[in-house]
Amino acid sequence: MRTILQVTPYYPPHLGGLERVVENLSVELARRHRVRVVTTVLGAGGAPRRTEGPLAVRRHRAVEVAHTALAPGLPLSLLRAPRDAVLHLHCAHALMPELVALAARLRRRRFVLHFHLDVDASGPVGRLLPLYKKHVLARVMRAAAAVIVLTEEQGAFVRDAYRVPAGRVHVVPNGVSGRYFMPERSPGQGPLRLLYVGRLSAQKNVARLLDAMSLVRRPVRLRIVGDGELRPRLEEQARRLGLDGVEFTGGLLGDDLVDAYAGADAFVLPSDREGMPLVLLEAMAAALPVLATDVPGNRELVGATGLLAAPEPAALAAGIDRLAADPGLRRELSRASARAAAGHAWETVAARVEAVYAEAGV
């Protein structure tokens, strides 16, 4: 039995796909190993700062500056880890990669970098992001014993953009929990019940979805499950556009989230870019027809399984209308979703991650 440190700036109940990936992977690995999640208190609500057991969580006090978690006590957890522990970094934000790389160097240990998403610049500090990627993040990625990516397209990107040697790049897709698997859908009567699940942030571009809803001609009701800094602006946009059929429910977890998938007729994801969106996998496991923007991350996962639309409101609206008008298409896409999701169980994904550890010699 080994000790595995899962290092992430955010962890449930903080809402987000990366957070739930870390949680599910940690739960599965803890069946065979000692897993310690090293994270922060950000978005944790009233969750305890420390838990024990085969899956132990240590949350460090932190502040967030420019979408970056600053946790002064976190490096101590890295330095105090057992010398033979696996350092598994989940990377989609700045600063955490450098801390893990430094701790690994000081301890003369190797580490695994799990690359979830290449984030775009935003906000006043965003102009520094290209320099950070070129001169800091690229060095960290090349220092990793292995870089786990979610898709072949993402693998080509990290080899080209960050010059990571091809032999260190391993494709391991995200997984989906068994609780989301549902029977194939039979189209019902009434307005199409469309579901979105995810953060209300710039990258997800829910504003594009609302603009699309204003162009939809068929009867459609949209449920938006999620929260984030853009929620007040998006609610105001929905009011301004007169979208009476749009409901904001806030973030949902556990059985409430499963029920949201069960109560939908189709799923939509209007993002600008993704790594491998967990919500799409969950929707596919729930046998929902899926419609997503034709962007990296969505493109490779959806493929022939669902509908892809150009990332602009008119194309998205046309896709929604097509789903609403064609029950036969929804039945066909429901079947395709269920088939595609079957190979993404978390136990399979965890076994592939363990194989990366072995091949990288960590």
Protein backbone atom coordinates (compact mmCIF):
# COMPACT_ATOMS: atom_id res chain seq x y z
CA MET A 1 0.00 0.00 0.00
CA ARG A 2 1.45 3.34 -1.09
CA THR A 3 0.79 6.92 -0.03
CA ILE A 4 -0.50 9.13 -2.83
CA LEU A 5 -0.74 12.90 -2.43
CA GLN A 6 -3.42 14.43 -4.63
CA VAL A 7 -2.52 18.14 -4.75
CA THR A 8 -5.24 20.52 -5.90
CA PRO A 9 -6.11 24.15 -5.15
CA TYR A 10 -9.82 23.35 -4.86
CA TYR A 11 -11.77 20.31 -3.67
CA PRO A 12 -15.48 19.56 -3.06
CA PRO A 13 -17.72 20.99 -1.82
CA HIS A 14 -16.08 23.66 -4.01
CA LEU A 15 -18.01 23.36 -7.28
CA GLY A 16 -16.27 22.45 -10.51
CA GLY A 17 -15.34 19.62 -12.81
CA LEU A 18 -11.68 19.43 -11.79
CA GLU A 19 -12.67 19.21 -8.14
CA ARG A 20 -14.99 16.27 -8.76
CA VAL A 21 -12.39 14.53 -10.92
CA VAL A 22 -9.92 14.71 -8.02
CA GLU A 23 -12.57 13.49 -5.58
CA ASN A 24 -13.65 10.51 -7.67
CA LEU A 25 -10.09 9.51 -8.55
CA SER A 26 -9.07 9.78 -4.89
CA VAL A 27 -11.99 7.64 -3.72
CA GLU A 28 -11.10 4.92 -6.22
CA LEU A 29 -7.35 4.98 -5.46
CA ALA A 30 -8.12 4.84 -1.71
CA ARG A 31 -9.48 1.31 -2.21
CA ARG A 32 -5.87 0.16 -2.65
CA HIS A 33 -3.65 2.96 -1.29
CA ARG A 34 -3.42 5.63 1.39
CA VAL A 35 -4.60 8.82 -0.33
CA ARG A 36 -4.03 12.29 1.12
CA VAL A 37 -5.69 15.24 -0.58
CA VAL A 38 -3.73 18.45 -0.03
CA THR A 39 -5.91 21.45 -0.84
CA THR A 40 -7.28 24.76 0.48
CA VAL A 41 -10.35 25.94 2.38
CA LEU A 42 -11.54 28.00 -0.61
CA GLY A 43 -15.16 27.18 -1.44
CA ALA A 44 -15.23 24.46 1.21
CA GLY A 45 -18.19 25.86 3.14
CA GLY A 46 -18.29 24.23 6.55
CA ALA A 47 -16.24 21.18 5.59
CA PRO A 48 -13.67 20.16 8.25
CA ARG A 49 -10.12 21.31 7.62
CA ARG A 50 -8.73 17.86 8.34
CA THR A 51 -10.13 14.34 7.97
CA GLU A 52 -8.44 10.99 8.54
CA GLY A 53 -8.72 7.51 7.07
CA PRO A 54 -7.64 5.80 3.83
CA LEU A 55 -8.77 9.02 2.10
CA ALA A 56 -7.60 11.92 4.26
CA VAL A 57 -8.12 15.59 3.39
CA ARG A 58 -5.98 18.48 4.62
CA ARG A 59 -7.38 21.93 3.82
CA HIS A 60 -5.05 24.90 4.25
CA ARG A 61 -6.14 28.46 4.93
CA ALA A 62 -5.91 30.47 1.73
CA VAL A 63 -6.94 33.59 -0.14
CA GLU A 64 -7.71 33.88 -3.83
CA VAL A 65 -5.98 36.55 -5.92
CA ALA A 66 -6.55 36.78 -9.70
CA HIS A 67 -8.17 33.29 -9.72
CA THR A 68 -5.08 31.90 -7.99
CA ALA A 69 -5.13 30.19 -4.59
CA LEU A 70 -2.49 31.45 -2.15
CA ALA A 71 -2.03 29.03 0.77
CA PRO A 72 1.13 29.75 2.83
CA GLY A 73 0.86 26.53 4.84
CA LEU A 74 0.43 24.18 1.90
CA PRO A 75 4.17 23.76 1.07
CA LEU A 76 4.69 22.30 4.56
CA SER A 77 2.29 19.46 3.78
CA LEU A 78 4.30 18.70 0.66
CA LEU A 79 7.62 18.76 2.50
CA ARG A 80 6.31 16.59 5.35
CA ALA A 81 4.93 13.88 3.08
CA PRO A 82 6.54 10.42 3.27
CA ARG A 83 9.65 10.25 1.12
CA ASP A 84 8.19 7.47 -1.01
CA ALA A 85 4.82 9.20 -1.53
CA VAL A 86 3.52 9.77 -5.05
CA LEU A 87 3.12 13.51 -5.73
CA HIS A 88 0.16 13.88 -8.10
CA LEU A 89 -0.50 17.50 -9.04
CA HIS A 90 -3.79 18.54 -10.65
CA CYS A 91 -2.96 21.50 -12.86
CA ALA A 92 -5.30 24.17 -14.21
CA HIS A 93 -4.16 27.19 -12.18
CA ALA A 94 -0.93 29.09 -11.52
CA LEU A 95 1.36 28.80 -8.47
CA MET A 96 0.45 25.27 -7.35
CA PRO A 97 2.60 23.68 -10.10
CA GLU A 98 5.68 25.64 -8.99
CA LEU A 99 5.16 24.71 -5.34
CA VAL A 100 4.92 21.01 -6.15
CA ALA A 101 7.94 21.12 -8.45
CA LEU A 102 10.01 22.91 -5.80
CA ALA A 103 8.97 20.48 -3.06
CA ALA A 104 9.79 17.54 -5.32
CA ARG A 105 13.21 18.98 -6.07
CA LEU A 106 13.98 19.63 -2.41
CA ARG A 107 12.89 16.10 -1.49
CA ARG A 108 14.63 14.62 -4.55
CA ARG A 109 11.36 13.07 -5.62
CA ARG A 110 9.63 12.88 -8.98
CA PHE A 111 6.07 14.08 -9.53
CA VAL A 112 3.14 13.54 -11.90
CA LEU A 113 1.36 16.53 -13.46
CA HIS A 114 -2.30 16.00 -14.41
CA PHE A 115 -3.09 18.65 -17.04
CA HIS A 116 -6.81 19.45 -17.03
CA LEU A 117 -7.08 22.63 -19.07
CA ASP A 118 -5.01 25.39 -20.65
CA VAL A 119 -6.61 28.48 -19.15
CA ASP A 120 -7.06 31.71 -21.13
CA ALA A 121 -6.03 35.09 -19.78
CA SER A 122 -8.66 37.16 -17.97
CA GLY A 123 -8.73 40.21 -15.74
CA PRO A 124 -6.07 42.91 -15.32
CA VAL A 125 -3.31 40.41 -14.45
CA GLY A 126 -4.16 38.26 -17.45
CA ARG A 127 -1.57 39.95 -19.67
CA LEU A 128 1.12 38.20 -17.63
CA LEU A 129 -0.28 34.73 -18.31
CA PRO A 130 1.51 34.11 -21.65
CA LEU A 131 4.85 34.96 -20.01
CA TYR A 132 4.06 32.71 -17.06
CA LYS A 133 3.22 29.81 -19.36
CA LYS A 134 6.33 30.24 -21.48
CA HIS A 135 8.90 30.79 -18.76
CA VAL A 136 7.47 29.08 -15.66
CA LEU A 137 4.75 26.54 -16.38
CA ALA A 138 6.60 25.07 -19.35
CA ARG A 139 9.65 24.37 -17.16
CA VAL A 140 7.49 22.71 -14.52
CA MET A 141 5.77 20.52 -17.10
CA ARG A 142 9.06 19.40 -18.58
CA ALA A 143 10.35 18.61 -15.08
CA ALA A 144 7.45 16.22 -14.39
CA ALA A 145 8.12 12.49 -14.58
CA ALA A 146 4.80 12.14 -16.42
CA VAL A 147 2.17 14.50 -17.77
CA ILE A 148 -1.36 13.09 -17.84
CA VAL A 149 -3.63 14.65 -20.46
CA LEU A 150 -7.28 13.95 -21.13
CA THR A 151 -7.34 13.61 -24.92
CA GLU A 152 -5.02 13.00 -27.87
CA GLU A 153 -5.62 16.58 -29.01
CA GLN A 154 -4.54 17.86 -25.61
CA GLY A 155 -1.48 15.60 -25.75
CA ALA A 156 -0.41 17.13 -29.06
CA PHE A 157 -0.90 20.57 -27.53
CA VAL A 158 1.37 20.02 -24.52
CA ARG A 159 4.04 18.48 -26.75
CA ASP A 160 3.95 21.43 -29.15
CA ALA A 161 3.24 24.37 -26.82
CA TYR A 162 5.22 23.27 -23.75
CA ARG A 163 7.78 20.99 -25.46
CA VAL A 164 7.05 18.07 -23.15
CA PRO A 165 8.84 14.95 -24.49
CA ALA A 166 6.36 12.60 -26.16
CA GLY A 167 7.44 9.67 -23.99
CA ARG A 168 6.26 11.46 -20.85
CA VAL A 169 2.77 12.30 -22.15
CA HIS A 170 0.02 9.84 -21.19
CA VAL A 171 -3.61 10.06 -22.30
CA VAL A 172 -6.01 9.12 -19.50
CA PRO A 173 -9.61 10.30 -19.99
CA ASN A 174 -11.86 11.47 -17.19
CA GLY A 175 -14.28 9.00 -15.64
CA VAL A 176 -17.87 8.97 -14.50
CA SER A 177 -19.41 7.59 -11.31
CA GLY A 178 -21.73 4.61 -11.52
CA ARG A 179 -24.49 6.61 -9.84
CA TYR A 180 -25.02 8.61 -13.06
CA PHE A 181 -25.69 5.62 -15.34
CA MET A 182 -29.33 5.51 -16.43
CA PRO A 183 -31.42 3.66 -19.03
CA GLU A 184 -31.81 5.04 -22.55
CA ARG A 185 -34.41 7.79 -22.83
CA SER A 186 -37.79 7.67 -24.57
CA PRO A 187 -38.71 11.19 -25.70
CA GLY A 188 -41.60 12.67 -23.72
CA GLN A 189 -44.27 15.22 -24.49
CA GLY A 190 -44.24 18.96 -23.92
CA PRO A 191 -41.39 21.48 -24.14
CA LEU A 192 -37.84 20.16 -24.41
CA ARG A 193 -36.27 20.13 -20.93
CA LEU A 194 -32.71 21.31 -21.58
CA LEU A 195 -30.05 21.11 -18.86
CA TYR A 196 -26.75 22.94 -18.32
CA VAL A 197 -24.44 21.98 -15.44
CA GLY A 198 -21.21 23.84 -14.66
CA ARG A 199 -19.57 26.92 -13.27
CA LEU A 200 -20.98 30.31 -14.19
CA SER A 201 -17.62 31.64 -15.36
CA ALA A 202 -16.24 33.23 -18.50
CA GLN A 203 -14.81 29.99 -19.92
CA LYS A 204 -18.22 28.26 -19.83
CA ASN A 205 -19.85 31.16 -21.74
CA VAL A 206 -23.39 30.68 -20.49
CA ALA A 207 -24.06 34.17 -21.90
CA ARG A 208 -23.78 32.58 -25.36
CA LEU A 209 -26.37 29.98 -24.33
CA LEU A 210 -28.78 32.67 -23.16
CA ASP A 211 -28.36 34.56 -26.43
CA ALA A 212 -29.07 31.29 -28.25
CA MET A 213 -32.22 30.73 -26.17
CA SER A 214 -33.52 34.11 -27.35
CA LEU A 215 -33.27 32.77 -30.94
CA VAL A 216 -34.85 29.34 -30.34
CA ARG A 217 -38.18 28.83 -32.11
CA ARG A 218 -39.38 25.60 -30.50
CA PRO A 219 -40.81 25.25 -26.97
CA VAL A 220 -37.77 24.74 -24.69
CA ARG A 221 -37.21 25.13 -20.97
CA LEU A 222 -33.61 25.55 -19.78
CA ARG A 223 -32.41 24.65 -16.30
CA ILE A 224 -29.03 26.14 -15.35
CA VAL A 225 -27.35 24.22 -12.51
CA GLY A 226 -24.24 25.88 -11.14
CA ASP A 227 -22.91 28.98 -9.48
CA GLY A 228 -20.10 31.45 -9.93
CA GLU A 229 -19.04 35.05 -10.18
CA LEU A 230 -21.13 35.71 -13.32
CA ARG A 231 -24.45 34.52 -11.92
CA PRO A 232 -25.92 38.00 -11.19
CA ARG A 233 -24.94 39.23 -14.66
CA LEU A 234 -26.40 36.14 -16.33
CA GLU A 235 -29.66 36.38 -14.39
CA GLU A 236 -29.94 40.01 -15.49
CA GLN A 237 -29.24 38.99 -19.10
CA ALA A 238 -32.04 36.39 -18.93
CA ARG A 239 -34.46 39.02 -17.59
CA ARG A 240 -33.41 41.52 -20.25
CA LEU A 241 -33.97 38.95 -23.00
CA GLY A 242 -37.37 37.99 -21.56
CA LEU A 243 -36.39 34.34 -21.11
CA ASP A 244 -39.20 33.15 -18.84
CA GLY A 245 -38.33 29.52 -19.54
CA VAL A 246 -34.86 29.78 -17.99
CA GLU A 247 -34.36 28.68 -14.38
CA PHE A 248 -31.22 29.24 -12.27
CA THR A 249 -31.07 26.63 -9.50
CA GLY A 250 -27.56 27.23 -8.11
CA GLY A 251 -25.04 24.46 -7.52
CA LEU A 252 -26.19 20.90 -6.83
CA LEU A 253 -24.28 17.89 -5.52
CA GLY A 254 -24.94 14.22 -4.79
CA ASP A 255 -28.47 12.92 -5.27
CA ASP A 256 -29.75 16.38 -6.19
CA LEU A 257 -27.39 16.53 -9.17
CA VAL A 258 -28.28 12.98 -10.23
CA ASP A 259 -31.96 13.98 -10.09
CA ALA A 260 -31.23 17.00 -12.32
CA TYR A 261 -29.84 14.71 -15.02
CA ALA A 262 -32.74 12.30 -14.58
CA GLY A 263 -35.26 15.09 -15.04
CA ALA A 264 -33.82 16.43 -18.31
CA ASP A 265 -34.47 15.56 -21.96
CA ALA A 266 -31.14 16.83 -23.33
CA PHE A 267 -27.89 18.45 -22.20
CA VAL A 268 -26.08 21.51 -23.54
CA LEU A 269 -22.54 22.84 -23.01
CA PRO A 270 -21.70 26.24 -24.58
CA SER A 271 -18.03 26.50 -23.48
CA ASP A 272 -15.18 28.34 -25.20
CA ARG A 273 -12.84 25.43 -24.43
CA GLU A 274 -12.62 22.38 -22.19
CA GLY A 275 -10.19 19.71 -21.07
CA MET A 276 -12.56 16.75 -20.92
CA PRO A 277 -15.76 18.04 -19.31
CA LEU A 278 -16.95 15.80 -16.52
CA VAL A 279 -20.49 17.12 -16.91
CA LEU A 280 -20.61 15.84 -20.49
CA LEU A 281 -19.55 12.38 -19.32
CA GLU A 282 -22.21 12.49 -16.60
CA ALA A 283 -24.87 13.56 -19.10
CA MET A 284 -23.83 10.78 -21.48
CA ALA A 285 -23.93 8.21 -18.66
CA ALA A 286 -27.44 9.46 -17.90
CA ALA A 287 -28.27 8.62 -21.55
CA LEU A 288 -29.00 12.25 -22.41
CA PRO A 289 -28.63 13.56 -25.95
CA VAL A 290 -25.81 16.12 -25.82
CA LEU A 291 -25.23 19.35 -27.72
CA ALA A 292 -21.89 21.12 -27.27
CA THR A 293 -19.84 23.82 -28.91
CA ASP A 294 -17.31 22.56 -31.45
CA VAL A 295 -14.21 23.49 -29.42
CA PRO A 296 -11.23 21.56 -27.99
CA GLY A 297 -12.28 19.14 -25.26
CA ASN A 298 -15.90 18.97 -26.37
CA ARG A 299 -14.98 17.97 -29.91
CA GLU A 300 -13.04 14.84 -29.09
CA LEU A 301 -15.47 13.58 -26.45
CA VAL A 302 -18.72 14.23 -28.30
CA GLY A 303 -17.59 13.28 -31.83
CA ALA A 304 -20.34 11.23 -33.48
CA THR A 305 -22.07 10.67 -30.13
CA GLY A 306 -23.94 13.97 -30.02
CA LEU A 307 -24.34 17.28 -31.82
CA LEU A 308 -21.58 19.87 -32.19
CA ALA A 309 -22.35 23.50 -33.00
CA ALA A 310 -20.12 26.41 -33.94
CA PRO A 311 -19.40 28.53 -30.84
CA GLU A 312 -21.90 31.28 -31.64
CA PRO A 313 -25.55 31.80 -30.60
CA ALA A 314 -27.28 31.16 -33.95
CA ALA A 315 -25.59 27.77 -34.44
CA LEU A 316 -26.33 26.77 -30.85
CA ALA A 317 -29.98 27.83 -31.26
CA ALA A 318 -30.25 25.76 -34.45
CA GLY A 319 -28.93 22.71 -32.56
CA ILE A 320 -31.45 23.22 -29.75
CA ASP A 321 -34.31 23.56 -32.22
CA ARG A 322 -33.15 20.41 -34.00
CA LEU A 323 -33.26 18.43 -30.75
CA ALA A 324 -36.65 19.87 -29.79
CA ALA A 325 -38.17 19.07 -33.20
CA ASP A 326 -36.91 15.49 -33.66
CA PRO A 327 -37.81 12.87 -31.00
CA GLY A 328 -36.25 10.16 -33.18
CA LEU A 329 -32.92 11.98 -33.17
CA ARG A 330 -33.09 12.33 -29.39
CA ARG A 331 -33.72 8.59 -29.03
CA GLU A 332 -30.76 7.80 -31.32
CA LEU A 333 -28.42 10.20 -29.47
CA SER A 334 -29.58 8.84 -26.10
CA ARG A 335 -28.50 5.37 -27.20
CA ALA A 336 -25.16 6.69 -28.49
CA SER A 337 -24.48 8.56 -25.23
CA ALA A 338 -25.08 5.47 -23.11
CA ARG A 339 -22.76 3.35 -25.29
CA ALA A 340 -19.96 5.93 -25.25
CA ALA A 341 -20.08 6.45 -21.47
CA ALA A 342 -19.80 2.74 -20.70
CA GLY A 343 -15.99 2.76 -21.09
CA HIS A 344 -15.41 5.63 -18.65
CA ALA A 345 -16.02 4.01 -15.27
CA TRP A 346 -13.74 5.42 -12.55
CA GLU A 347 -12.24 2.05 -11.65
CA THR A 348 -10.92 1.80 -15.22
CA VAL A 349 -9.53 5.33 -15.12
CA ALA A 350 -7.84 4.78 -11.74
CA ALA A 351 -6.15 1.63 -13.04
CA ARG A 352 -4.75 3.61 -15.97
CA VAL A 353 -3.43 6.29 -13.59
CA GLU A 354 -1.69 3.61 -11.52
CA ALA A 355 -0.11 2.29 -14.72
CA VAL A 356 1.27 5.80 -15.37
CA TYR A 357 2.80 5.85 -11.88
CA ALA A 358 4.50 2.53 -12.58
CA GLU A 359 5.78 3.53 -16.01
CA ALA A 360 7.08 6.89 -14.74
CA GLY A 361 8.80 5.24 -11.77
CA VAL A 362 7.24 7.46 -9.11
